[in-house]
Amino acid sequence: MRIVSLLPAATEMVCALGLEGALVGRSHECDTPATITDRPVVSRAEIDHHPTSAEIDAAVRTFAHEGRPLYHLNAELIRSLRPDVVVTQELCDVCAITPTQVHAALLGVSPAPAVLRLGPGTLDDVLNDVMRLGQATGRMPQAQTHHDALARRLADLTVSNTTAARPRVLFLEWLDPAFGAGHWNPELIERAGGRSVLDVRPGQHSRVISDDTLASVVPDLIFVAACGFDTARARREWSVLPPEHPVRHMHRRTGARLVFADGNAHFNRPGPRLIDSLAVLRSAVARCS
């Protein structure tokens, strides 16, 4: 079997199912485990990620307005790799290669590879994707074992619902503009023993927080795990926010504890890393109790 993975979380799951040797191609963001970084890279980002959060957001909006893809997919290279399975996503056009690009790249390939599109919105969806990958690759026993181990660890890390005082949490997935984290992150907040100050429900997309909302919420914890940024980069992005930014005002007004986390390696990867993410968030919430 020959697998091309266009999603970092999927690459980790492929390897967890014992298929690392079958991985013949990866996206530019697939960096774990380190032993797969010698595989051909079939994509690249079209937007420079060195500018500020506001500048990146503006560039993304410009690309969307002009109908231009945010990523380039090397169709010729993918075809030369002769994959049997291509794993991609249908969750977010900003985060990774789109299904439309994958379809175009595989036109005329014979025999046509199976294309597995992952689009998890909740933690259950993430666990189910493990099983879907096992089915697509003929690794159902390994997938069941991995699924069950993840489910047990998720349960073990979940704070009891009987906890009396639940710190109020504002989870920011982007800083400028401020995005409230959606998808599986509201679940992580609850499981970590916190209570979200936003009305974003599990499975809903992340969205911009209005200035009025930022002026009214009173979090105990501001948790920043910016999409695509590690902890150091998230800290730098916070440091360059202008003093008059609504997020700055909210922090000064509430005096909430401010914690930065690695969004790229943890909270934005809907795979096994979300269990590690819960452990990180639980520790941050516990320090506010």
C-alpha atoms as a PDB file:
ATOM      1  CA  MET A   1       0.000   0.000   0.000  1.00  0.00           C
ATOM      2  CA  ARG A   2       1.139   3.549  -0.823  1.00  0.00           C
ATOM      3  CA  ILE A   3      -0.317   6.492   1.147  1.00  0.00           C
ATOM      4  CA  VAL A   4      -0.100  10.253   0.618  1.00  0.00           C
ATOM      5  CA  SER A   5      -1.233  12.301   3.622  1.00  0.00           C
ATOM      6  CA  LEU A   6      -2.166  15.953   3.227  1.00  0.00           C
ATOM      7  CA  LEU A   7      -3.020  16.495   6.875  1.00  0.00           C
ATOM      8  CA  PRO A   8      -0.631  16.449   9.882  1.00  0.00           C
ATOM      9  CA  ALA A   9      -3.135  14.736  12.184  1.00  0.00           C
ATOM     10  CA  ALA A  10      -3.784  12.057   9.569  1.00  0.00           C
ATOM     11  CA  THR A  11      -0.060  11.450   9.165  1.00  0.00           C
ATOM     12  CA  GLU A  12       0.217  10.803  12.891  1.00  0.00           C
ATOM     13  CA  MET A  13      -2.724   8.404  12.743  1.00  0.00           C
ATOM     14  CA  VAL A  14      -1.230   6.586   9.740  1.00  0.00           C
ATOM     15  CA  CYS A  15       1.932   5.982  11.730  1.00  0.00           C
ATOM     16  CA  ALA A  16      -0.002   4.986  14.859  1.00  0.00           C
ATOM     17  CA  LEU A  17      -1.658   2.223  12.814  1.00  0.00           C
ATOM     18  CA  GLY A  18       1.750   0.840  11.841  1.00  0.00           C
ATOM     19  CA  LEU A  19       1.709   2.245   8.305  1.00  0.00           C
ATOM     20  CA  GLU A  20       4.688   4.572   8.449  1.00  0.00           C
ATOM     21  CA  GLY A  21       6.468   2.463   5.846  1.00  0.00           C
ATOM     22  CA  ALA A  22       3.518   2.915   3.477  1.00  0.00           C
ATOM     23  CA  LEU A  23       3.636   6.722   3.674  1.00  0.00           C
ATOM     24  CA  VAL A  24       5.160   7.892   0.372  1.00  0.00           C
ATOM     25  CA  GLY A  25       4.196  11.583   0.411  1.00  0.00           C
ATOM     26  CA  ARG A  26       3.192  14.297   2.881  1.00  0.00           C
ATOM     27  CA  SER A  27       2.083  17.905   3.100  1.00  0.00           C
ATOM     28  CA  HIS A  28       4.472  20.719   3.995  1.00  0.00           C
ATOM     29  CA  GLU A  29       2.943  20.764   7.501  1.00  0.00           C
ATOM     30  CA  CYS A  30       3.347  17.055   8.270  1.00  0.00           C
ATOM     31  CA  ASP A  31       6.287  17.031  10.680  1.00  0.00           C
ATOM     32  CA  THR A  32       5.513  14.276  13.187  1.00  0.00           C
ATOM     33  CA  PRO A  33       6.908  11.742  13.859  1.00  0.00           C
ATOM     34  CA  ALA A  34      10.350  13.029  12.899  1.00  0.00           C
ATOM     35  CA  THR A  35      11.073   9.804  11.030  1.00  0.00           C
ATOM     36  CA  ILE A  36       8.663  10.792   8.217  1.00  0.00           C
ATOM     37  CA  THR A  37      10.312  14.100   7.355  1.00  0.00           C
ATOM     38  CA  ASP A  38      12.347  12.427   4.612  1.00  0.00           C
ATOM     39  CA  ARG A  39       9.172  11.738   2.584  1.00  0.00           C
ATOM     40  CA  PRO A  40       8.484  13.919  -0.468  1.00  0.00           C
ATOM     41  CA  VAL A  41       6.582  17.136   0.247  1.00  0.00           C
ATOM     42  CA  VAL A  42       3.690  17.596  -2.185  1.00  0.00           C
ATOM     43  CA  SER A  43       2.356  20.999  -1.101  1.00  0.00           C
ATOM     44  CA  ARG A  44       3.370  24.492  -0.081  1.00  0.00           C
ATOM     45  CA  ALA A  45       1.679  27.556   1.406  1.00  0.00           C
ATOM     46  CA  GLU A  46       1.085  30.504  -0.900  1.00  0.00           C
ATOM     47  CA  ILE A  47       0.917  33.012   1.973  1.00  0.00           C
ATOM     48  CA  ASP A  48       3.959  34.142   3.934  1.00  0.00           C
ATOM     49  CA  HIS A  49       3.375  33.315   7.609  1.00  0.00           C
ATOM     50  CA  HIS A  50       6.007  35.746   8.916  1.00  0.00           C
ATOM     51  CA  PRO A  51       3.810  38.889   8.952  1.00  0.00           C
ATOM     52  CA  THR A  52       1.547  39.737  11.889  1.00  0.00           C
ATOM     53  CA  SER A  53      -1.784  38.046  12.590  1.00  0.00           C
ATOM     54  CA  ALA A  54      -3.661  41.022  11.135  1.00  0.00           C
ATOM     55  CA  GLU A  55      -1.581  40.944   7.940  1.00  0.00           C
ATOM     56  CA  ILE A  56      -2.073  37.185   7.531  1.00  0.00           C
ATOM     57  CA  ASP A  57      -5.820  37.566   8.062  1.00  0.00           C
ATOM     58  CA  ALA A  58      -5.943  40.314   5.423  1.00  0.00           C
ATOM     59  CA  ALA A  59      -4.022  38.146   2.959  1.00  0.00           C
ATOM     60  CA  VAL A  60      -6.358  35.185   3.555  1.00  0.00           C
ATOM     61  CA  ARG A  61      -9.385  37.400   2.921  1.00  0.00           C
ATOM     62  CA  THR A  62      -7.811  38.750  -0.274  1.00  0.00           C
ATOM     63  CA  PHE A  63      -7.105  35.242  -1.577  1.00  0.00           C
ATOM     64  CA  ALA A  64     -10.689  34.206  -0.760  1.00  0.00           C
ATOM     65  CA  HIS A  65     -12.139  37.278  -2.488  1.00  0.00           C
ATOM     66  CA  GLU A  66     -10.069  36.582  -5.606  1.00  0.00           C
ATOM     67  CA  GLY A  67     -10.883  32.859  -5.559  1.00  0.00           C
ATOM     68  CA  ARG A  68      -7.216  31.888  -5.231  1.00  0.00           C
ATOM     69  CA  PRO A  69      -6.141  28.779  -3.265  1.00  0.00           C
ATOM     70  CA  LEU A  70      -4.059  29.300  -0.135  1.00  0.00           C
ATOM     71  CA  TYR A  71      -1.934  26.246  -0.905  1.00  0.00           C
ATOM     72  CA  HIS A  72      -0.233  24.842  -3.974  1.00  0.00           C
ATOM     73  CA  LEU A  73      -0.496  21.120  -4.619  1.00  0.00           C
ATOM     74  CA  ASN A  74       2.169  19.495  -6.777  1.00  0.00           C
ATOM     75  CA  ALA A  75      -0.082  17.322  -8.936  1.00  0.00           C
ATOM     76  CA  GLU A  76       2.785  15.953 -11.011  1.00  0.00           C
ATOM     77  CA  LEU A  77       4.645  14.759  -7.934  1.00  0.00           C
ATOM     78  CA  ILE A  78       1.543  13.162  -6.424  1.00  0.00           C
ATOM     79  CA  ARG A  79       0.878  11.263  -9.636  1.00  0.00           C
ATOM     80  CA  SER A  80       4.462  10.049  -9.739  1.00  0.00           C
ATOM     81  CA  LEU A  81       4.100   8.641  -6.206  1.00  0.00           C
ATOM     82  CA  ARG A  82       1.278   6.338  -7.419  1.00  0.00           C
ATOM     83  CA  PRO A  83      -0.720   6.413  -4.167  1.00  0.00           C
ATOM     84  CA  ASP A  84      -3.381   3.858  -3.359  1.00  0.00           C
ATOM     85  CA  VAL A  85      -4.870   6.129  -0.681  1.00  0.00           C
ATOM     86  CA  VAL A  86      -4.817   9.920  -0.367  1.00  0.00           C
ATOM     87  CA  VAL A  87      -5.899  11.351   2.996  1.00  0.00           C
ATOM     88  CA  THR A  88      -7.160  14.927   2.949  1.00  0.00           C
ATOM     89  CA  GLN A  89      -9.641  17.143   4.803  1.00  0.00           C
ATOM     90  CA  GLU A  90     -12.920  18.951   4.265  1.00  0.00           C
ATOM     91  CA  LEU A  91     -12.979  20.948   7.490  1.00  0.00           C
ATOM     92  CA  CYS A  92     -11.294  24.279   6.756  1.00  0.00           C
ATOM     93  CA  ASP A  93     -10.038  25.819   3.513  1.00  0.00           C
ATOM     94  CA  VAL A  94      -7.657  28.044   5.506  1.00  0.00           C
ATOM     95  CA  CYS A  95      -5.942  25.151   7.300  1.00  0.00           C
ATOM     96  CA  ALA A  96      -5.063  22.740   4.516  1.00  0.00           C
ATOM     97  CA  ILE A  97      -5.427  21.609   0.903  1.00  0.00           C
ATOM     98  CA  THR A  98      -9.064  21.595  -0.245  1.00  0.00           C
ATOM     99  CA  PRO A  99     -10.887  18.536  -1.659  1.00  0.00           C
ATOM    100  CA  THR A 100     -11.349  20.423  -4.951  1.00  0.00           C
ATOM    101  CA  GLN A 101      -7.575  20.726  -5.352  1.00  0.00           C
ATOM    102  CA  VAL A 102      -7.099  17.038  -4.580  1.00  0.00           C
ATOM    103  CA  HIS A 103      -9.740  16.027  -7.117  1.00  0.00           C
ATOM    104  CA  ALA A 104      -8.088  18.164  -9.798  1.00  0.00           C
ATOM    105  CA  ALA A 105      -4.651  16.736  -9.025  1.00  0.00           C
ATOM    106  CA  LEU A 106      -5.885  13.161  -9.383  1.00  0.00           C
ATOM    107  CA  LEU A 107      -7.774  13.594 -12.643  1.00  0.00           C
ATOM    108  CA  GLY A 108      -6.721  10.945 -15.119  1.00  0.00           C
ATOM    109  CA  VAL A 109      -4.743   8.895 -12.580  1.00  0.00           C
ATOM    110  CA  SER A 110      -5.262   5.197 -13.257  1.00  0.00           C
ATOM    111  CA  PRO A 111      -5.994   3.281 -11.213  1.00  0.00           C
ATOM    112  CA  ALA A 112      -7.656   6.068  -9.250  1.00  0.00           C
ATOM    113  CA  PRO A 113      -6.560   6.119  -5.596  1.00  0.00           C
ATOM    114  CA  ALA A 114      -9.100   6.052  -2.793  1.00  0.00           C
ATOM    115  CA  VAL A 115      -9.535   9.525  -1.306  1.00  0.00           C
ATOM    116  CA  LEU A 116     -10.373   9.674   2.404  1.00  0.00           C
ATOM    117  CA  ARG A 117     -11.735  13.076   3.428  1.00  0.00           C
ATOM    118  CA  LEU A 118     -11.566  13.803   7.144  1.00  0.00           C
ATOM    119  CA  GLY A 119     -13.762  16.586   8.528  1.00  0.00           C
ATOM    120  CA  PRO A 120     -14.054  16.152  12.289  1.00  0.00           C
ATOM    121  CA  GLY A 121     -16.016  18.712  14.250  1.00  0.00           C
ATOM    122  CA  THR A 122     -16.096  17.071  17.673  1.00  0.00           C
ATOM    123  CA  LEU A 123     -13.921  14.757  19.762  1.00  0.00           C
ATOM    124  CA  ASP A 124     -16.147  11.807  18.843  1.00  0.00           C
ATOM    125  CA  ASP A 125     -15.582  12.643  15.182  1.00  0.00           C
ATOM    126  CA  VAL A 126     -11.822  12.564  15.746  1.00  0.00           C
ATOM    127  CA  LEU A 127     -12.027   9.114  17.333  1.00  0.00           C
ATOM    128  CA  ASN A 128     -14.279   7.915  14.532  1.00  0.00           C
ATOM    129  CA  ASP A 129     -11.732   9.114  11.985  1.00  0.00           C
ATOM    130  CA  VAL A 130      -9.260   6.644  13.448  1.00  0.00           C
ATOM    131  CA  MET A 131     -11.698   3.872  12.557  1.00  0.00           C
ATOM    132  CA  ARG A 132     -12.359   5.315   9.103  1.00  0.00           C
ATOM    133  CA  LEU A 133      -8.636   5.367   8.401  1.00  0.00           C
ATOM    134  CA  GLY A 134      -8.342   1.785   9.624  1.00  0.00           C
ATOM    135  CA  GLN A 135     -11.108   0.724   7.272  1.00  0.00           C
ATOM    136  CA  ALA A 136      -9.581   2.562   4.292  1.00  0.00           C
ATOM    137  CA  THR A 137      -6.187   0.961   4.875  1.00  0.00           C
ATOM    138  CA  GLY A 138      -7.202  -2.534   5.988  1.00  0.00           C
ATOM    139  CA  ARG A 139      -5.991  -1.948   9.555  1.00  0.00           C
ATOM    140  CA  MET A 140      -9.184  -2.301  11.540  1.00  0.00           C
ATOM    141  CA  PRO A 141      -7.718  -4.288  14.496  1.00  0.00           C
ATOM    142  CA  GLN A 142      -4.949  -1.708  14.936  1.00  0.00           C
ATOM    143  CA  ALA A 143      -7.450   1.122  14.539  1.00  0.00           C
ATOM    144  CA  GLN A 144      -9.738  -0.348  17.207  1.00  0.00           C
ATOM    145  CA  THR A 145      -6.833  -0.702  19.637  1.00  0.00           C
ATOM    146  CA  HIS A 146      -5.702   2.877  19.007  1.00  0.00           C
ATOM    147  CA  HIS A 147      -9.264   4.207  19.209  1.00  0.00           C
ATOM    148  CA  ASP A 148      -9.879   2.505  22.544  1.00  0.00           C
ATOM    149  CA  ALA A 149      -6.601   3.708  24.029  1.00  0.00           C
ATOM    150  CA  LEU A 150      -7.381   7.305  23.045  1.00  0.00           C
ATOM    151  CA  ALA A 151     -10.922   7.041  24.433  1.00  0.00           C
ATOM    152  CA  ARG A 152      -9.632   5.706  27.765  1.00  0.00           C
ATOM    153  CA  ARG A 153      -7.084   8.479  28.107  1.00  0.00           C
ATOM    154  CA  LEU A 154      -9.708  11.075  27.185  1.00  0.00           C
ATOM    155  CA  ALA A 155     -11.982   9.746  29.925  1.00  0.00           C
ATOM    156  CA  ASP A 156      -9.156   9.638  32.457  1.00  0.00           C
ATOM    157  CA  LEU A 157      -8.275  13.300  31.829  1.00  0.00           C
ATOM    158  CA  THR A 158     -11.849  14.576  31.968  1.00  0.00           C
ATOM    159  CA  VAL A 159     -12.679  16.554  35.109  1.00  0.00           C
ATOM    160  CA  SER A 160     -15.824  15.400  36.891  1.00  0.00           C
ATOM    161  CA  ASN A 161     -19.043  17.285  36.143  1.00  0.00           C
ATOM    162  CA  THR A 162     -19.592  17.605  39.883  1.00  0.00           C
ATOM    163  CA  THR A 163     -16.768  20.116  40.191  1.00  0.00           C
ATOM    164  CA  ALA A 164     -18.337  23.080  42.020  1.00  0.00           C
ATOM    165  CA  ALA A 165     -16.342  26.055  40.789  1.00  0.00           C
ATOM    166  CA  ARG A 166     -15.537  26.086  37.079  1.00  0.00           C
ATOM    167  CA  PRO A 167     -13.208  28.897  35.982  1.00  0.00           C
ATOM    168  CA  ARG A 168     -14.510  30.992  33.095  1.00  0.00           C
ATOM    169  CA  VAL A 169     -12.375  30.486  29.980  1.00  0.00           C
ATOM    170  CA  LEU A 170     -11.906  32.615  26.880  1.00  0.00           C
ATOM    171  CA  PHE A 171     -10.167  30.425  24.288  1.00  0.00           C
ATOM    172  CA  LEU A 172      -8.623  32.474  21.465  1.00  0.00           C
ATOM    173  CA  GLU A 173      -7.687  30.670  18.249  1.00  0.00           C
ATOM    174  CA  TRP A 174      -6.471  33.883  16.584  1.00  0.00           C
ATOM    175  CA  LEU A 175      -5.607  37.295  17.971  1.00  0.00           C
ATOM    176  CA  ASP A 176      -6.088  39.935  15.288  1.00  0.00           C
ATOM    177  CA  PRO A 177      -8.974  39.767  14.690  1.00  0.00           C
ATOM    178  CA  ALA A 178      -9.878  37.772  17.785  1.00  0.00           C
ATOM    179  CA  PHE A 179     -11.380  34.381  16.955  1.00  0.00           C
ATOM    180  CA  GLY A 180     -13.183  32.254  19.523  1.00  0.00           C
ATOM    181  CA  ALA A 181     -12.111  28.627  19.178  1.00  0.00           C
ATOM    182  CA  GLY A 182     -14.762  26.240  17.891  1.00  0.00           C
ATOM    183  CA  HIS A 183     -14.905  22.633  16.675  1.00  0.00           C
ATOM    184  CA  TRP A 184     -13.659  20.324  19.480  1.00  0.00           C
ATOM    185  CA  ASN A 185     -12.249  23.118  21.672  1.00  0.00           C
ATOM    186  CA  PRO A 186     -15.495  23.938  23.565  1.00  0.00           C
ATOM    187  CA  GLU A 187     -15.528  20.254  24.566  1.00  0.00           C
ATOM    188  CA  LEU A 188     -11.924  20.460  25.699  1.00  0.00           C
ATOM    189  CA  ILE A 189     -12.801  23.451  27.890  1.00  0.00           C
ATOM    190  CA  GLU A 190     -15.622  21.523  29.593  1.00  0.00           C
ATOM    191  CA  ARG A 191     -13.565  18.363  29.989  1.00  0.00           C
ATOM    192  CA  ALA A 192     -10.693  20.419  31.437  1.00  0.00           C
ATOM    193  CA  GLY A 193     -12.978  21.693  34.208  1.00  0.00           C
ATOM    194  CA  GLY A 194     -13.646  25.125  32.740  1.00  0.00           C
ATOM    195  CA  ARG A 195     -16.661  27.010  31.423  1.00  0.00           C
ATOM    196  CA  SER A 196     -16.497  28.916  28.143  1.00  0.00           C
ATOM    197  CA  VAL A 197     -17.536  32.565  28.209  1.00  0.00           C
ATOM    198  CA  LEU A 198     -18.549  32.342  24.532  1.00  0.00           C
ATOM    199  CA  ASP A 199     -21.597  30.722  22.974  1.00  0.00           C
ATOM    200  CA  VAL A 200     -19.596  28.673  20.457  1.00  0.00           C
ATOM    201  CA  ARG A 201     -20.909  25.123  20.656  1.00  0.00           C
ATOM    202  CA  PRO A 202     -18.975  21.885  19.989  1.00  0.00           C
ATOM    203  CA  GLY A 203     -18.743  21.248  16.266  1.00  0.00           C
ATOM    204  CA  GLN A 204     -19.345  24.861  15.262  1.00  0.00           C
ATOM    205  CA  HIS A 205     -16.683  26.712  13.293  1.00  0.00           C
ATOM    206  CA  SER A 206     -14.400  29.181  15.015  1.00  0.00           C
ATOM    207  CA  ARG A 207     -15.562  32.748  14.443  1.00  0.00           C
ATOM    208  CA  VAL A 208     -14.623  36.362  15.006  1.00  0.00           C
ATOM    209  CA  ILE A 209     -15.577  37.714  18.436  1.00  0.00           C
ATOM    210  CA  SER A 210     -17.374  41.043  18.253  1.00  0.00           C
ATOM    211  CA  ASP A 211     -15.972  44.082  20.040  1.00  0.00           C
ATOM    212  CA  ASP A 212     -19.155  44.245  22.124  1.00  0.00           C
ATOM    213  CA  THR A 213     -18.621  40.678  23.318  1.00  0.00           C
ATOM    214  CA  LEU A 214     -15.002  41.364  24.202  1.00  0.00           C
ATOM    215  CA  ALA A 215     -16.178  44.399  26.167  1.00  0.00           C
ATOM    216  CA  SER A 216     -18.651  42.333  28.195  1.00  0.00           C
ATOM    217  CA  VAL A 217     -17.083  38.931  28.916  1.00  0.00           C
ATOM    218  CA  VAL A 218     -15.340  38.364  32.245  1.00  0.00           C
ATOM    219  CA  PRO A 219     -12.980  35.383  31.932  1.00  0.00           C
ATOM    220  CA  ASP A 220     -10.781  34.026  34.681  1.00  0.00           C
ATOM    221  CA  LEU A 221      -8.472  32.546  32.042  1.00  0.00           C
ATOM    222  CA  ILE A 222      -7.523  33.843  28.593  1.00  0.00           C
ATOM    223  CA  PHE A 223      -6.098  30.836  26.777  1.00  0.00           C
ATOM    224  CA  VAL A 224      -4.303  31.601  23.505  1.00  0.00           C
ATOM    225  CA  ALA A 225      -3.588  28.716  21.132  1.00  0.00           C
ATOM    226  CA  ALA A 226      -3.320  30.442  17.760  1.00  0.00           C
ATOM    227  CA  CYS A 227      -3.919  28.347  14.660  1.00  0.00           C
ATOM    228  CA  GLY A 228      -0.613  27.428  13.030  1.00  0.00           C
ATOM    229  CA  PHE A 229       1.536  29.162  15.669  1.00  0.00           C
ATOM    230  CA  ASP A 230       3.696  27.671  18.382  1.00  0.00           C
ATOM    231  CA  THR A 231       3.782  29.108  21.897  1.00  0.00           C
ATOM    232  CA  ALA A 232       6.610  31.567  21.256  1.00  0.00           C
ATOM    233  CA  ARG A 233       4.925  32.924  18.133  1.00  0.00           C
ATOM    234  CA  ALA A 234       1.621  33.333  19.973  1.00  0.00           C
ATOM    235  CA  ARG A 235       3.410  35.359  22.659  1.00  0.00           C
ATOM    236  CA  ARG A 236       5.003  37.564  19.993  1.00  0.00           C
ATOM    237  CA  GLU A 237       1.638  38.155  18.329  1.00  0.00           C
ATOM    238  CA  TRP A 238       0.184  39.235  21.665  1.00  0.00           C
ATOM    239  CA  SER A 239       3.108  41.587  22.268  1.00  0.00           C
ATOM    240  CA  VAL A 240       2.542  43.481  18.997  1.00  0.00           C
ATOM    241  CA  LEU A 241      -1.206  44.023  19.508  1.00  0.00           C
ATOM    242  CA  PRO A 242      -1.786  47.790  19.753  1.00  0.00           C
ATOM    243  CA  PRO A 243      -2.743  49.088  23.215  1.00  0.00           C
ATOM    244  CA  GLU A 244      -6.219  50.063  21.980  1.00  0.00           C
ATOM    245  CA  HIS A 245      -7.004  46.573  20.634  1.00  0.00           C
ATOM    246  CA  PRO A 246     -10.263  45.181  22.142  1.00  0.00           C
ATOM    247  CA  VAL A 247      -8.442  42.090  23.405  1.00  0.00           C
ATOM    248  CA  ARG A 248      -5.957  44.302  25.244  1.00  0.00           C
ATOM    249  CA  HIS A 249      -8.795  46.299  26.805  1.00  0.00           C
ATOM    250  CA  MET A 250     -10.531  43.096  27.893  1.00  0.00           C
ATOM    251  CA  HIS A 251      -7.366  41.765  29.530  1.00  0.00           C
ATOM    252  CA  ARG A 252      -6.730  45.007  31.411  1.00  0.00           C
ATOM    253  CA  ARG A 253     -10.366  45.218  32.514  1.00  0.00           C
ATOM    254  CA  THR A 254     -10.616  41.669  33.845  1.00  0.00           C
ATOM    255  CA  GLY A 255      -7.082  40.934  35.024  1.00  0.00           C
ATOM    256  CA  ALA A 256      -7.602  37.381  33.757  1.00  0.00           C
ATOM    257  CA  ARG A 257      -4.754  34.905  33.866  1.00  0.00           C
ATOM    258  CA  LEU A 258      -3.077  34.796  30.438  1.00  0.00           C
ATOM    259  CA  VAL A 259      -1.732  31.470  29.143  1.00  0.00           C
ATOM    260  CA  PHE A 260      -0.166  30.721  25.765  1.00  0.00           C
ATOM    261  CA  ALA A 261      -0.070  27.262  24.195  1.00  0.00           C
ATOM    262  CA  ASP A 262       1.179  25.609  21.024  1.00  0.00           C
ATOM    263  CA  GLY A 263      -1.799  25.723  18.690  1.00  0.00           C
ATOM    264  CA  ASN A 264       0.106  24.253  15.770  1.00  0.00           C
ATOM    265  CA  ALA A 265       1.312  21.116  17.534  1.00  0.00           C
ATOM    266  CA  HIS A 266      -1.727  20.500  19.696  1.00  0.00           C
ATOM    267  CA  PHE A 267      -5.101  22.241  19.578  1.00  0.00           C
ATOM    268  CA  ASN A 268      -5.304  22.639  15.794  1.00  0.00           C
ATOM    269  CA  ARG A 269      -4.471  18.990  15.012  1.00  0.00           C
ATOM    270  CA  PRO A 270      -7.643  16.882  15.171  1.00  0.00           C
ATOM    271  CA  GLY A 271      -5.962  13.595  15.934  1.00  0.00           C
ATOM    272  CA  PRO A 272      -4.167  11.917  18.845  1.00  0.00           C
ATOM    273  CA  ARG A 273      -2.636  15.268  19.884  1.00  0.00           C
ATOM    274  CA  LEU A 274      -6.019  16.504  21.100  1.00  0.00           C
ATOM    275  CA  ILE A 275      -5.670  14.217  24.108  1.00  0.00           C
ATOM    276  CA  ASP A 276      -2.372  15.923  24.929  1.00  0.00           C
ATOM    277  CA  SER A 277      -4.157  19.237  24.348  1.00  0.00           C
ATOM    278  CA  LEU A 278      -6.704  18.355  27.022  1.00  0.00           C
ATOM    279  CA  ALA A 279      -3.895  17.721  29.500  1.00  0.00           C
ATOM    280  CA  VAL A 280      -2.365  21.148  28.709  1.00  0.00           C
ATOM    281  CA  LEU A 281      -5.690  22.955  29.045  1.00  0.00           C
ATOM    282  CA  ARG A 282      -6.648  21.093  32.204  1.00  0.00           C
ATOM    283  CA  SER A 283      -3.407  22.204  33.860  1.00  0.00           C
ATOM    284  CA  ALA A 284      -4.065  25.845  32.873  1.00  0.00           C
ATOM    285  CA  VAL A 285      -7.654  25.733  34.152  1.00  0.00           C
ATOM    286  CA  ALA A 286      -6.617  24.099  37.431  1.00  0.00           C
ATOM    287  CA  ARG A 287      -4.261  27.003  38.184  1.00  0.00           C
ATOM    288  CA  CYS A 288      -7.262  29.355  38.059  1.00  0.00           C
ATOM    289  CA  SER A 289      -9.376  27.383  40.537  1.00  0.00           C
END
